[in-house]
N, C-alpha and C. Protein backbone atom coordinates (compact mmCIF):
# COMPACT_ATOMS: atom_id res chain seq x y z
N MET A 1 43.10 -188.99 69.10
CA MET A 1 42.69 -188.20 70.25
C MET A 1 43.26 -186.79 70.16
N ILE A 2 42.48 -185.84 70.66
CA ILE A 2 42.91 -184.45 70.76
C ILE A 2 43.19 -184.12 72.21
N SER A 3 44.37 -183.62 72.49
CA SER A 3 44.70 -183.13 73.83
C SER A 3 44.39 -181.64 73.88
N VAL A 4 43.48 -181.25 74.75
CA VAL A 4 43.14 -179.85 74.95
C VAL A 4 43.87 -179.36 76.19
N ILE A 5 44.77 -178.40 76.01
CA ILE A 5 45.62 -177.93 77.10
C ILE A 5 45.24 -176.50 77.44
N ILE A 6 44.85 -176.28 78.69
CA ILE A 6 44.33 -174.99 79.12
C ILE A 6 45.20 -174.41 80.23
N PRO A 7 46.03 -173.41 79.95
CA PRO A 7 46.78 -172.77 81.02
C PRO A 7 45.87 -171.85 81.82
N ALA A 8 46.01 -171.87 83.14
CA ALA A 8 45.19 -171.02 84.00
C ALA A 8 46.08 -170.39 85.07
N TYR A 9 45.87 -169.10 85.30
CA TYR A 9 46.70 -168.40 86.29
C TYR A 9 45.87 -167.37 87.05
N ASN A 10 45.61 -167.64 88.29
CA ASN A 10 44.92 -166.74 89.23
C ASN A 10 43.49 -166.35 88.82
N ASP A 11 43.34 -165.56 87.77
CA ASP A 11 42.01 -165.13 87.37
C ASP A 11 41.33 -166.26 86.59
N VAL A 12 40.49 -167.02 87.28
CA VAL A 12 39.87 -168.20 86.66
C VAL A 12 38.35 -168.04 86.59
N ARG A 13 37.87 -166.79 86.56
CA ARG A 13 36.43 -166.53 86.55
C ARG A 13 35.73 -167.12 85.33
N HIS A 14 36.47 -167.28 84.22
CA HIS A 14 35.84 -167.72 82.97
C HIS A 14 36.13 -169.19 82.66
N LEU A 15 36.91 -169.84 83.51
CA LEU A 15 37.33 -171.21 83.24
C LEU A 15 36.15 -172.17 83.15
N GLU A 16 35.15 -171.98 83.99
CA GLU A 16 34.00 -172.88 84.00
C GLU A 16 33.28 -172.88 82.65
N LYS A 17 33.07 -171.69 82.08
CA LYS A 17 32.41 -171.59 80.77
C LYS A 17 33.29 -172.20 79.68
N CYS A 18 34.60 -172.00 79.81
CA CYS A 18 35.53 -172.59 78.84
C CYS A 18 35.40 -174.10 78.84
N LEU A 19 35.44 -174.69 80.03
CA LEU A 19 35.34 -176.15 80.13
C LEU A 19 33.98 -176.66 79.65
N ALA A 20 32.93 -175.93 79.95
CA ALA A 20 31.59 -176.33 79.49
C ALA A 20 31.54 -176.41 77.97
N SER A 21 32.20 -175.45 77.31
CA SER A 21 32.21 -175.45 75.84
C SER A 21 33.02 -176.62 75.29
N ILE A 22 34.02 -177.05 76.04
CA ILE A 22 34.82 -178.21 75.61
C ILE A 22 34.04 -179.50 75.81
N PHE A 23 33.33 -179.61 76.94
CA PHE A 23 32.49 -180.79 77.18
C PHE A 23 31.40 -180.92 76.13
N ALA A 24 30.98 -179.79 75.56
CA ALA A 24 29.88 -179.79 74.59
C ALA A 24 30.35 -180.04 73.16
N GLN A 25 31.63 -180.32 72.97
CA GLN A 25 32.15 -180.54 71.63
C GLN A 25 31.55 -181.78 70.98
N SER A 26 31.28 -181.69 69.70
CA SER A 26 30.75 -182.84 68.96
C SER A 26 31.82 -183.92 68.80
N PHE A 27 33.08 -183.52 68.82
CA PHE A 27 34.20 -184.47 68.79
C PHE A 27 34.48 -184.87 70.24
N LYS A 28 34.40 -186.14 70.53
CA LYS A 28 34.42 -186.60 71.91
C LYS A 28 35.73 -187.25 72.37
N ASP A 29 36.60 -187.62 71.44
CA ASP A 29 37.83 -188.30 71.84
C ASP A 29 38.84 -187.25 72.31
N LEU A 30 38.66 -186.80 73.55
CA LEU A 30 39.44 -185.68 74.07
C LEU A 30 40.19 -186.06 75.34
N GLU A 31 41.35 -185.48 75.48
CA GLU A 31 42.11 -185.49 76.73
C GLU A 31 42.20 -184.03 77.17
N ILE A 32 41.63 -183.71 78.33
CA ILE A 32 41.59 -182.32 78.79
C ILE A 32 42.56 -182.14 79.95
N ILE A 33 43.47 -181.20 79.80
CA ILE A 33 44.47 -180.94 80.84
C ILE A 33 44.44 -179.45 81.19
N VAL A 34 44.14 -179.15 82.44
CA VAL A 34 44.22 -177.78 82.93
C VAL A 34 45.57 -177.61 83.63
N VAL A 35 46.35 -176.65 83.17
CA VAL A 35 47.67 -176.40 83.73
C VAL A 35 47.60 -175.18 84.65
N ASP A 36 47.71 -175.42 85.94
CA ASP A 36 47.75 -174.32 86.91
C ASP A 36 49.16 -173.75 86.90
N ASP A 37 49.28 -172.52 86.38
CA ASP A 37 50.58 -171.89 86.21
C ASP A 37 51.00 -171.15 87.49
N GLY A 38 51.12 -171.89 88.59
CA GLY A 38 51.60 -171.30 89.82
C GLY A 38 50.66 -170.28 90.43
N SER A 39 49.36 -170.53 90.36
CA SER A 39 48.39 -169.59 90.92
C SER A 39 48.51 -169.52 92.44
N ALA A 40 48.00 -168.42 93.00
CA ALA A 40 47.94 -168.30 94.45
C ALA A 40 47.09 -169.43 95.02
N GLU A 41 47.27 -169.74 96.29
CA GLU A 41 46.62 -170.91 96.89
C GLU A 41 45.11 -170.92 96.70
N THR A 42 44.47 -169.77 96.90
CA THR A 42 43.01 -169.70 96.75
C THR A 42 42.58 -170.00 95.32
N ALA A 43 43.29 -169.39 94.36
CA ALA A 43 42.96 -169.61 92.95
C ALA A 43 43.25 -171.04 92.53
N ALA A 44 44.35 -171.60 93.02
CA ALA A 44 44.70 -172.98 92.68
C ALA A 44 43.62 -173.94 93.19
N LYS A 45 43.11 -173.66 94.39
CA LYS A 45 42.03 -174.49 94.94
C LYS A 45 40.77 -174.36 94.09
N LYS A 46 40.48 -173.14 93.65
CA LYS A 46 39.31 -172.90 92.82
C LYS A 46 39.42 -173.64 91.49
N ILE A 47 40.60 -173.66 90.91
CA ILE A 47 40.83 -174.37 89.65
C ILE A 47 40.50 -175.85 89.83
N SER A 48 40.98 -176.43 90.91
CA SER A 48 40.72 -177.85 91.18
C SER A 48 39.23 -178.12 91.38
N GLU A 49 38.53 -177.16 91.99
CA GLU A 49 37.08 -177.32 92.21
C GLU A 49 36.32 -177.24 90.89
N ILE A 50 36.72 -176.30 90.04
CA ILE A 50 36.04 -176.14 88.76
C ILE A 50 36.32 -177.32 87.83
N ALA A 51 37.56 -177.77 87.84
CA ALA A 51 37.99 -178.83 86.92
C ALA A 51 37.87 -180.21 87.54
N VAL A 52 36.84 -180.41 88.36
CA VAL A 52 36.65 -181.71 89.00
C VAL A 52 36.47 -182.80 87.94
N GLY A 53 37.18 -183.90 88.11
CA GLY A 53 37.10 -185.00 87.16
C GLY A 53 38.01 -184.83 85.97
N ILE A 54 38.73 -183.72 85.92
CA ILE A 54 39.65 -183.44 84.81
C ILE A 54 41.07 -183.43 85.36
N ARG A 55 42.01 -183.77 84.54
CA ARG A 55 43.40 -183.74 84.98
C ARG A 55 43.86 -182.30 85.19
N VAL A 56 44.31 -181.99 86.38
CA VAL A 56 44.86 -180.68 86.70
C VAL A 56 46.32 -180.85 87.09
N ALA A 57 47.20 -180.14 86.41
CA ALA A 57 48.63 -180.22 86.69
C ALA A 57 49.09 -178.89 87.27
N HIS A 58 49.73 -178.92 88.44
CA HIS A 58 50.21 -177.72 89.10
C HIS A 58 51.71 -177.56 88.87
N PHE A 59 52.09 -176.39 88.37
CA PHE A 59 53.50 -176.08 88.12
C PHE A 59 53.83 -174.72 88.73
N PRO A 60 55.11 -174.46 89.01
CA PRO A 60 55.52 -173.12 89.43
C PRO A 60 55.22 -172.13 88.31
N HIS A 61 54.99 -170.88 88.68
CA HIS A 61 54.63 -169.87 87.68
C HIS A 61 55.79 -169.60 86.71
N ILE A 62 55.51 -169.82 85.42
CA ILE A 62 56.52 -169.56 84.39
C ILE A 62 55.93 -168.81 83.20
N GLY A 63 54.65 -168.48 83.25
CA GLY A 63 54.03 -167.76 82.14
C GLY A 63 53.28 -168.71 81.22
N ALA A 64 52.43 -168.12 80.36
CA ALA A 64 51.55 -168.92 79.51
C ALA A 64 52.30 -169.84 78.57
N ALA A 65 53.39 -169.35 77.97
CA ALA A 65 54.15 -170.18 77.03
C ALA A 65 54.72 -171.41 77.73
N GLY A 66 55.30 -171.20 78.91
CA GLY A 66 55.85 -172.32 79.67
C GLY A 66 54.78 -173.28 80.14
N ALA A 67 53.62 -172.73 80.53
CA ALA A 67 52.52 -173.58 80.97
C ALA A 67 52.03 -174.46 79.82
N ARG A 68 51.95 -173.87 78.63
CA ARG A 68 51.53 -174.66 77.46
C ARG A 68 52.54 -175.78 77.18
N ASN A 69 53.82 -175.44 77.23
CA ASN A 69 54.85 -176.46 76.99
C ASN A 69 54.79 -177.56 78.04
N SER A 70 54.57 -177.18 79.30
CA SER A 70 54.47 -178.18 80.37
C SER A 70 53.27 -179.09 80.15
N GLY A 71 52.16 -178.50 79.73
CA GLY A 71 50.98 -179.30 79.44
C GLY A 71 51.21 -180.26 78.29
N PHE A 72 51.91 -179.79 77.28
CA PHE A 72 52.21 -180.64 76.13
C PHE A 72 53.03 -181.87 76.55
N LYS A 73 53.99 -181.66 77.42
CA LYS A 73 54.88 -182.75 77.83
C LYS A 73 54.14 -183.88 78.54
N ILE A 74 53.04 -183.57 79.18
CA ILE A 74 52.30 -184.62 79.89
C ILE A 74 51.06 -185.08 79.12
N SER A 75 50.90 -184.57 77.91
CA SER A 75 49.76 -184.96 77.08
C SER A 75 50.12 -186.16 76.21
N SER A 76 49.11 -186.73 75.58
CA SER A 76 49.37 -187.92 74.76
C SER A 76 48.59 -187.93 73.45
N GLY A 77 47.81 -186.88 73.17
CA GLY A 77 47.00 -186.86 71.95
C GLY A 77 47.81 -186.72 70.68
N GLU A 78 47.26 -187.26 69.61
CA GLU A 78 47.89 -187.13 68.29
C GLU A 78 47.78 -185.70 67.79
N PHE A 79 46.78 -185.00 68.31
CA PHE A 79 46.56 -183.59 67.96
C PHE A 79 46.52 -182.76 69.25
N ILE A 80 46.98 -181.52 69.16
CA ILE A 80 47.06 -180.64 70.32
C ILE A 80 46.26 -179.37 70.06
N PHE A 81 45.48 -178.97 71.06
CA PHE A 81 44.73 -177.72 70.97
C PHE A 81 44.98 -176.94 72.25
N PHE A 82 45.70 -175.82 72.14
CA PHE A 82 45.96 -174.96 73.27
C PHE A 82 44.80 -173.97 73.38
N CYS A 83 44.15 -173.96 74.53
CA CYS A 83 42.94 -173.15 74.70
C CYS A 83 43.11 -172.21 75.88
N ASP A 84 42.99 -170.92 75.67
CA ASP A 84 43.03 -169.96 76.77
C ASP A 84 41.81 -170.16 77.67
N ALA A 85 41.97 -169.86 78.94
CA ALA A 85 40.93 -170.15 79.93
C ALA A 85 39.71 -169.26 79.80
N ASP A 86 39.79 -168.19 79.02
CA ASP A 86 38.63 -167.30 78.85
C ASP A 86 38.01 -167.43 77.47
N VAL A 87 38.29 -168.55 76.81
CA VAL A 87 37.77 -168.81 75.45
C VAL A 87 36.62 -169.81 75.53
N GLU A 88 35.61 -169.61 74.68
CA GLU A 88 34.51 -170.55 74.57
C GLU A 88 34.44 -171.05 73.12
N LEU A 89 34.46 -172.35 72.97
CA LEU A 89 34.45 -172.97 71.64
C LEU A 89 33.03 -173.24 71.18
N LYS A 90 32.78 -173.06 69.90
CA LYS A 90 31.51 -173.51 69.33
C LYS A 90 31.54 -175.03 69.30
N SER A 91 30.36 -175.64 69.35
CA SER A 91 30.27 -177.09 69.55
C SER A 91 30.99 -177.90 68.47
N GLY A 92 31.08 -177.36 67.26
CA GLY A 92 31.73 -178.11 66.18
C GLY A 92 33.16 -177.71 65.94
N CYS A 93 33.73 -176.89 66.81
CA CYS A 93 35.08 -176.35 66.58
C CYS A 93 36.13 -177.44 66.35
N LEU A 94 36.31 -178.31 67.31
CA LEU A 94 37.38 -179.31 67.22
C LEU A 94 37.11 -180.33 66.11
N GLU A 95 35.85 -180.68 65.92
CA GLU A 95 35.52 -181.63 64.86
C GLU A 95 35.85 -181.06 63.49
N LYS A 96 35.52 -179.80 63.26
CA LYS A 96 35.79 -179.17 61.97
C LYS A 96 37.28 -179.01 61.73
N MET A 97 38.03 -178.68 62.79
CA MET A 97 39.47 -178.57 62.63
C MET A 97 40.10 -179.93 62.36
N ARG A 98 39.60 -180.96 63.06
CA ARG A 98 40.13 -182.32 62.84
C ARG A 98 39.80 -182.79 61.43
N GLU A 99 38.62 -182.49 60.94
CA GLU A 99 38.23 -182.87 59.58
C GLU A 99 39.10 -182.14 58.54
N ALA A 100 39.41 -180.89 58.82
CA ALA A 100 40.25 -180.12 57.89
C ALA A 100 41.63 -180.73 57.77
N LEU A 101 42.19 -181.18 58.89
CA LEU A 101 43.51 -181.81 58.85
C LEU A 101 43.44 -183.18 58.19
N GLY A 102 42.32 -183.87 58.37
CA GLY A 102 42.15 -185.15 57.71
C GLY A 102 42.07 -185.00 56.20
N ALA A 103 41.44 -183.91 55.75
CA ALA A 103 41.30 -183.66 54.31
C ALA A 103 42.57 -183.07 53.71
N HIS A 104 43.45 -182.55 54.57
CA HIS A 104 44.68 -181.90 54.09
C HIS A 104 45.88 -182.45 54.88
N PRO A 105 46.32 -183.65 54.54
CA PRO A 105 47.44 -184.25 55.28
C PRO A 105 48.74 -183.47 55.16
N GLU A 106 48.81 -182.56 54.19
CA GLU A 106 50.02 -181.76 54.04
C GLU A 106 50.08 -180.62 55.05
N ALA A 107 48.97 -180.31 55.70
CA ALA A 107 48.91 -179.20 56.65
C ALA A 107 49.32 -179.66 58.05
N ALA A 108 50.04 -178.80 58.75
CA ALA A 108 50.50 -179.12 60.10
C ALA A 108 49.51 -178.67 61.16
N TYR A 109 48.64 -177.74 60.81
CA TYR A 109 47.66 -177.24 61.77
C TYR A 109 46.48 -176.62 61.03
N ALA A 110 45.36 -176.53 61.74
CA ALA A 110 44.15 -175.93 61.19
C ALA A 110 43.77 -174.74 62.06
N TYR A 111 43.35 -173.65 61.42
CA TYR A 111 42.99 -172.44 62.16
C TYR A 111 41.74 -171.82 61.55
N SER A 112 41.14 -170.89 62.28
CA SER A 112 39.87 -170.33 61.84
C SER A 112 39.75 -168.86 62.23
N ASP A 113 38.61 -168.27 61.85
CA ASP A 113 38.25 -166.95 62.34
C ASP A 113 37.76 -167.11 63.78
N TYR A 114 37.69 -166.00 64.51
CA TYR A 114 37.10 -166.05 65.84
C TYR A 114 36.47 -164.71 66.18
N GLN A 115 35.80 -164.67 67.29
CA GLN A 115 35.13 -163.45 67.73
C GLN A 115 35.79 -162.96 69.01
N LEU A 116 36.16 -161.69 69.04
CA LEU A 116 36.75 -161.07 70.22
C LEU A 116 35.76 -160.04 70.74
N GLY A 117 35.03 -160.39 71.79
CA GLY A 117 33.97 -159.51 72.25
C GLY A 117 32.91 -159.39 71.16
N TRP A 118 32.67 -158.17 70.71
CA TRP A 118 31.67 -157.93 69.66
C TRP A 118 32.25 -158.00 68.26
N LYS A 119 33.59 -158.05 68.15
CA LYS A 119 34.22 -157.92 66.84
C LYS A 119 34.66 -159.27 66.27
N LYS A 120 34.37 -159.49 65.00
CA LYS A 120 34.87 -160.66 64.30
C LYS A 120 36.33 -160.45 63.94
N MET A 121 37.16 -161.42 64.24
CA MET A 121 38.59 -161.36 63.92
C MET A 121 38.87 -162.35 62.80
N PRO A 122 38.84 -161.89 61.55
CA PRO A 122 39.04 -162.80 60.43
C PRO A 122 40.49 -163.16 60.22
N ALA A 123 40.73 -164.39 59.88
CA ALA A 123 42.06 -164.82 59.47
C ALA A 123 42.12 -164.70 57.94
N ARG A 124 42.81 -165.60 57.28
CA ARG A 124 42.87 -165.59 55.82
C ARG A 124 43.46 -166.91 55.36
N ALA A 125 43.31 -167.19 54.06
CA ALA A 125 43.93 -168.39 53.51
C ALA A 125 45.43 -168.33 53.77
N PHE A 126 46.05 -169.46 54.01
CA PHE A 126 47.46 -169.46 54.38
C PHE A 126 48.32 -168.79 53.31
N ASP A 127 49.13 -167.84 53.75
CA ASP A 127 50.01 -167.09 52.86
C ASP A 127 51.31 -166.84 53.61
N ALA A 128 52.37 -167.52 53.19
CA ALA A 128 53.65 -167.44 53.89
C ALA A 128 54.22 -166.02 53.92
N LYS A 129 54.11 -165.31 52.80
CA LYS A 129 54.65 -163.94 52.75
C LYS A 129 53.91 -163.03 53.71
N ALA A 130 52.59 -163.17 53.76
CA ALA A 130 51.79 -162.36 54.67
C ALA A 130 52.10 -162.70 56.12
N LEU A 131 52.32 -163.98 56.41
CA LEU A 131 52.59 -164.40 57.78
C LEU A 131 53.93 -163.84 58.28
N LYS A 132 54.87 -163.65 57.37
CA LYS A 132 56.16 -163.09 57.76
C LYS A 132 56.06 -161.61 58.15
N LYS A 133 54.99 -160.97 57.74
CA LYS A 133 54.79 -159.55 58.04
C LYS A 133 53.95 -159.33 59.29
N CYS A 134 52.94 -160.17 59.47
CA CYS A 134 52.08 -160.04 60.67
C CYS A 134 51.36 -161.35 60.92
N ASN A 135 50.91 -161.51 62.15
CA ASN A 135 50.24 -162.75 62.51
C ASN A 135 48.73 -162.65 62.26
N TYR A 136 48.17 -163.65 61.62
CA TYR A 136 46.73 -163.71 61.42
C TYR A 136 46.17 -165.06 61.90
N ILE A 137 46.99 -165.80 62.66
CA ILE A 137 46.60 -167.14 63.12
C ILE A 137 46.57 -167.16 64.66
N SER A 138 45.47 -167.58 65.22
CA SER A 138 45.30 -167.61 66.66
C SER A 138 46.02 -168.80 67.30
N THR A 139 46.33 -168.64 68.58
CA THR A 139 46.86 -169.76 69.36
C THR A 139 45.88 -170.92 69.35
N MET A 140 44.59 -170.60 69.33
CA MET A 140 43.55 -171.63 69.35
C MET A 140 43.42 -172.27 67.98
N SER A 141 44.41 -173.07 67.64
CA SER A 141 44.46 -173.82 66.38
C SER A 141 44.79 -175.27 66.71
N LEU A 142 44.35 -176.18 65.87
CA LEU A 142 44.60 -177.61 66.10
C LEU A 142 45.90 -178.00 65.42
N ILE A 143 46.85 -178.50 66.20
CA ILE A 143 48.20 -178.79 65.71
C ILE A 143 48.48 -180.29 65.76
N ARG A 144 49.10 -180.80 64.71
CA ARG A 144 49.55 -182.19 64.75
C ARG A 144 50.70 -182.29 65.76
N ARG A 145 50.63 -183.27 66.61
CA ARG A 145 51.64 -183.41 67.65
C ARG A 145 53.05 -183.48 67.07
N ALA A 146 53.19 -184.21 65.99
CA ALA A 146 54.52 -184.40 65.39
C ALA A 146 55.11 -183.11 64.85
N ASP A 147 54.27 -182.10 64.64
CA ASP A 147 54.74 -180.86 64.04
C ASP A 147 54.86 -179.71 65.04
N PHE A 148 54.64 -180.00 66.32
CA PHE A 148 54.73 -178.95 67.33
C PHE A 148 56.15 -178.89 67.89
N TYR A 149 56.74 -177.71 67.84
CA TYR A 149 58.15 -177.55 68.27
C TYR A 149 58.30 -176.80 69.58
N GLY A 150 57.20 -176.46 70.22
CA GLY A 150 57.26 -175.78 71.50
C GLY A 150 57.21 -174.26 71.36
N PHE A 151 56.69 -173.60 72.40
CA PHE A 151 56.66 -172.15 72.44
C PHE A 151 57.97 -171.63 73.02
N ASP A 152 58.43 -170.50 72.52
CA ASP A 152 59.63 -169.85 73.03
C ASP A 152 59.27 -169.14 74.33
N GLU A 153 59.74 -169.67 75.45
CA GLU A 153 59.38 -169.14 76.76
C GLU A 153 60.08 -167.83 77.10
N SER A 154 61.04 -167.43 76.29
CA SER A 154 61.74 -166.16 76.54
C SER A 154 60.96 -164.96 76.01
N LEU A 155 59.96 -165.22 75.16
CA LEU A 155 59.19 -164.13 74.57
C LEU A 155 58.06 -163.71 75.49
N LYS A 156 57.82 -162.40 75.56
CA LYS A 156 56.74 -161.87 76.38
C LYS A 156 55.44 -161.73 75.58
N ARG A 157 55.57 -161.54 74.28
CA ARG A 157 54.40 -161.39 73.41
C ARG A 157 54.65 -162.12 72.11
N PHE A 158 53.58 -162.35 71.37
CA PHE A 158 53.63 -162.95 70.03
C PHE A 158 54.22 -164.36 70.03
N GLN A 159 54.02 -165.10 71.13
CA GLN A 159 54.55 -166.47 71.15
C GLN A 159 53.91 -167.34 70.09
N ASP A 160 52.62 -167.09 69.79
CA ASP A 160 51.96 -167.89 68.76
C ASP A 160 52.50 -167.55 67.38
N TRP A 161 52.67 -166.27 67.08
CA TRP A 161 53.25 -165.87 65.79
C TRP A 161 54.63 -166.49 65.62
N ASP A 162 55.42 -166.45 66.68
CA ASP A 162 56.76 -167.05 66.65
C ASP A 162 56.68 -168.54 66.33
N LEU A 163 55.69 -169.22 66.92
CA LEU A 163 55.53 -170.66 66.65
C LEU A 163 55.23 -170.92 65.19
N TRP A 164 54.29 -170.16 64.62
CA TRP A 164 53.92 -170.37 63.21
C TRP A 164 55.11 -170.09 62.29
N LEU A 165 55.91 -169.07 62.61
CA LEU A 165 57.07 -168.76 61.80
C LEU A 165 58.14 -169.84 61.92
N THR A 166 58.31 -170.36 63.12
CA THR A 166 59.26 -171.46 63.33
C THR A 166 58.84 -172.68 62.51
N MET A 167 57.55 -172.97 62.52
CA MET A 167 57.04 -174.10 61.74
C MET A 167 57.21 -173.84 60.24
N LEU A 168 56.97 -172.59 59.84
CA LEU A 168 57.11 -172.24 58.43
C LEU A 168 58.54 -172.47 57.96
N GLU A 169 59.50 -172.10 58.79
CA GLU A 169 60.91 -172.29 58.45
C GLU A 169 61.29 -173.76 58.31
N ARG A 170 60.46 -174.63 58.85
CA ARG A 170 60.69 -176.07 58.76
C ARG A 170 59.75 -176.71 57.74
N GLY A 171 59.16 -175.86 56.90
CA GLY A 171 58.34 -176.36 55.81
C GLY A 171 56.92 -176.71 56.19
N LYS A 172 56.45 -176.21 57.33
CA LYS A 172 55.11 -176.54 57.81
C LYS A 172 54.14 -175.38 57.55
N ALA A 173 52.97 -175.70 57.05
CA ALA A 173 51.95 -174.70 56.76
C ALA A 173 50.63 -175.10 57.41
N GLY A 174 49.68 -174.15 57.42
CA GLY A 174 48.38 -174.42 58.02
C GLY A 174 47.28 -174.43 56.99
N ILE A 175 46.10 -174.89 57.42
CA ILE A 175 44.92 -174.88 56.56
C ILE A 175 43.86 -174.02 57.23
N TYR A 176 43.26 -173.12 56.46
CA TYR A 176 42.32 -172.13 56.99
C TYR A 176 40.88 -172.61 56.87
N ILE A 177 40.12 -172.43 57.94
CA ILE A 177 38.69 -172.70 57.95
C ILE A 177 37.98 -171.35 58.03
N PRO A 178 37.32 -170.90 56.96
CA PRO A 178 36.71 -169.56 56.94
C PRO A 178 35.39 -169.50 57.71
N GLU A 179 35.51 -169.66 59.01
CA GLU A 179 34.31 -169.69 59.86
C GLU A 179 34.72 -169.33 61.29
N VAL A 180 33.85 -168.61 61.99
CA VAL A 180 34.09 -168.29 63.39
C VAL A 180 33.83 -169.55 64.22
N LEU A 181 34.86 -170.08 64.87
CA LEU A 181 34.72 -171.33 65.61
C LEU A 181 34.87 -171.17 67.12
N PHE A 182 35.22 -169.97 67.58
CA PHE A 182 35.29 -169.74 69.02
C PHE A 182 35.23 -168.25 69.29
N LYS A 183 35.01 -167.92 70.55
CA LYS A 183 35.00 -166.51 70.93
C LYS A 183 35.87 -166.31 72.17
N ALA A 184 36.50 -165.14 72.23
CA ALA A 184 37.36 -164.79 73.35
C ALA A 184 36.79 -163.57 74.06
N ARG A 185 37.06 -163.47 75.32
CA ARG A 185 36.55 -162.36 76.11
C ARG A 185 37.19 -161.05 75.66
N SER A 186 36.38 -160.01 75.51
CA SER A 186 36.92 -158.70 75.16
C SER A 186 37.61 -158.10 76.38
N GLY A 187 38.59 -157.22 76.12
CA GLY A 187 39.30 -156.57 77.21
C GLY A 187 40.44 -157.39 77.75
N ARG A 188 40.68 -158.57 77.17
CA ARG A 188 41.77 -159.42 77.64
C ARG A 188 43.10 -158.78 77.29
N THR A 189 44.15 -159.14 77.99
CA THR A 189 45.48 -158.59 77.73
C THR A 189 46.22 -159.50 76.76
N GLY A 190 47.37 -159.03 76.28
CA GLY A 190 48.19 -159.85 75.40
C GLY A 190 47.94 -159.57 73.94
N ILE A 191 48.40 -160.47 73.10
CA ILE A 191 48.35 -160.27 71.66
C ILE A 191 46.92 -160.11 71.17
N SER A 192 45.97 -160.75 71.86
CA SER A 192 44.59 -160.72 71.38
C SER A 192 43.81 -159.48 71.80
N LYS A 193 44.47 -158.56 72.52
CA LYS A 193 43.78 -157.33 72.87
C LYS A 193 43.75 -156.44 71.64
N TRP A 194 42.58 -156.33 71.06
CA TRP A 194 42.44 -155.68 69.76
C TRP A 194 42.40 -154.16 69.87
N ARG A 195 43.07 -153.50 68.93
CA ARG A 195 42.96 -152.07 68.75
C ARG A 195 42.78 -151.82 67.27
N PRO A 196 41.99 -150.81 66.88
CA PRO A 196 41.83 -150.51 65.46
C PRO A 196 43.15 -150.11 64.84
N SER A 197 43.33 -150.40 63.55
CA SER A 197 44.60 -150.16 62.88
C SER A 197 45.04 -148.70 62.94
N PHE A 198 44.07 -147.78 62.93
CA PHE A 198 44.45 -146.37 62.94
C PHE A 198 45.12 -145.97 64.26
N TRP A 199 44.88 -146.76 65.32
CA TRP A 199 45.44 -146.47 66.63
C TRP A 199 46.96 -146.39 66.54
N TYR A 200 47.56 -147.30 65.78
CA TYR A 200 49.01 -147.39 65.71
C TYR A 200 49.62 -146.24 64.92
N LYS A 201 48.81 -145.61 64.07
CA LYS A 201 49.28 -144.48 63.29
C LYS A 201 49.08 -143.16 64.03
N LEU A 202 47.96 -143.04 64.73
CA LEU A 202 47.64 -141.78 65.42
C LEU A 202 48.34 -141.64 66.76
N PHE A 203 48.65 -142.78 67.39
CA PHE A 203 49.23 -142.71 68.74
C PHE A 203 50.53 -143.51 68.84
N PRO A 204 51.51 -143.24 67.96
CA PRO A 204 52.77 -143.99 68.00
C PRO A 204 53.55 -143.79 69.30
N TRP A 205 53.23 -142.70 70.03
CA TRP A 205 53.92 -142.38 71.26
C TRP A 205 53.34 -143.10 72.48
N SER A 206 52.18 -143.74 72.32
CA SER A 206 51.54 -144.38 73.47
C SER A 206 52.35 -145.60 73.92
N SER A 207 52.28 -145.89 75.21
CA SER A 207 53.05 -147.00 75.75
C SER A 207 52.64 -148.34 75.14
N SER A 208 51.35 -148.50 74.84
CA SER A 208 50.87 -149.77 74.28
C SER A 208 51.41 -149.98 72.86
N VAL A 209 51.45 -148.90 72.07
CA VAL A 209 51.97 -149.00 70.71
C VAL A 209 53.48 -149.23 70.72
N LYS A 210 54.18 -148.55 71.61
CA LYS A 210 55.63 -148.75 71.72
C LYS A 210 55.95 -150.19 72.12
N ALA A 211 55.19 -150.72 73.06
CA ALA A 211 55.40 -152.10 73.49
C ALA A 211 55.10 -153.08 72.37
N TYR A 212 54.04 -152.80 71.62
CA TYR A 212 53.66 -153.63 70.47
C TYR A 212 54.78 -153.65 69.45
N ASN A 213 55.28 -152.46 69.08
CA ASN A 213 56.32 -152.36 68.05
C ASN A 213 57.63 -153.01 68.50
N LYS A 214 57.96 -152.85 69.78
CA LYS A 214 59.18 -153.47 70.29
C LYS A 214 59.09 -154.99 70.23
N ALA A 215 57.94 -155.53 70.64
CA ALA A 215 57.75 -156.98 70.61
C ALA A 215 57.76 -157.50 69.17
N ARG A 216 57.18 -156.73 68.28
CA ARG A 216 57.14 -157.12 66.86
C ARG A 216 58.55 -157.15 66.27
N GLU A 217 59.37 -156.17 66.63
CA GLU A 217 60.75 -156.11 66.14
C GLU A 217 61.55 -157.32 66.59
N ILE A 218 61.29 -157.79 67.82
CA ILE A 218 61.98 -158.96 68.34
C ILE A 218 61.68 -160.19 67.48
N ILE A 219 60.41 -160.35 67.12
CA ILE A 219 60.01 -161.49 66.29
C ILE A 219 60.62 -161.38 64.89
N LEU A 220 60.54 -160.20 64.29
CA LEU A 220 61.07 -160.02 62.94
C LEU A 220 62.58 -160.26 62.91
N LYS A 221 63.28 -159.79 63.94
CA LYS A 221 64.72 -159.98 63.99
C LYS A 221 65.07 -161.46 64.17
N LYS A 222 64.32 -162.14 65.02
CA LYS A 222 64.58 -163.57 65.27
C LYS A 222 64.43 -164.38 63.99
N HIS A 223 63.45 -164.04 63.18
CA HIS A 223 63.17 -164.82 61.98
C HIS A 223 63.70 -164.18 60.71
N GLY A 224 64.49 -163.13 60.85
CA GLY A 224 65.13 -162.52 59.68
C GLY A 224 64.18 -161.91 58.70
N SER A 225 63.03 -161.41 59.18
CA SER A 225 62.06 -160.82 58.29
C SER A 225 62.31 -159.32 58.11
C-alpha cells in the first residue's frame, strides 16, 4: 500500500483537483491522509468538506515539514508519497514510481520530472556529487517507509533537499524516472518557486536571492558540503 500524505493550510482552493488526480490513479491500493496544519476554522471546515470520505487529521500549526511528519506517524503504507495540496498527478504517476522501486530494490525512493506552470522541471539520473551541490529531486517522490527518516522541522526552506542528503549519508539513493509525472501550480511559494538561473547572477542584492542563498548555506553547513 502507498500512503499519500497531503498537508493543507488555509489556502485550499486547489485541494479538490489534487484529490481528484489521486482518485484517478491507476494504482489503487492507497491510503489517503489530508493533514490540516492548524488552518483557520473556516478553512479547516472547507478541508473536511472537500476531503469527505477521506481521513483528515487536524493538528496545531507547525509548518509543512511538521505536518508531513505528523501524517507519516499515523500512516501505515509500505510506501509514502508526500503530495502538496496544489499538485495534480498524472494517472500513472504512483504506479510508475512503484514499478521503478520494484525493479530497483536497491533504491530508497523514486522521483521524476514535473511541470511547474508552463515550464518543465527536469530532474536527472541519480548523482550523489551533484545532489550535494543542489537539489534536483522533488518532495513528490515515492519513498520506502523503512528508509524515511523524517523532515527537519527547524528548516524554513529546502526540507526536501535536506531529506535526500540525510538519506544519502546513510547510504540511500534514488531511482530516476525520465518523465513528467505531475504538475504544480505556478506562482507557488517555497523551494518550487522557479526563477531563471540568470536571476541569481543579475540580482544578488534582491531579498529573494539573499533568502535563497542563506537557506542554501544552512543546508550545506549542516551536511558538510
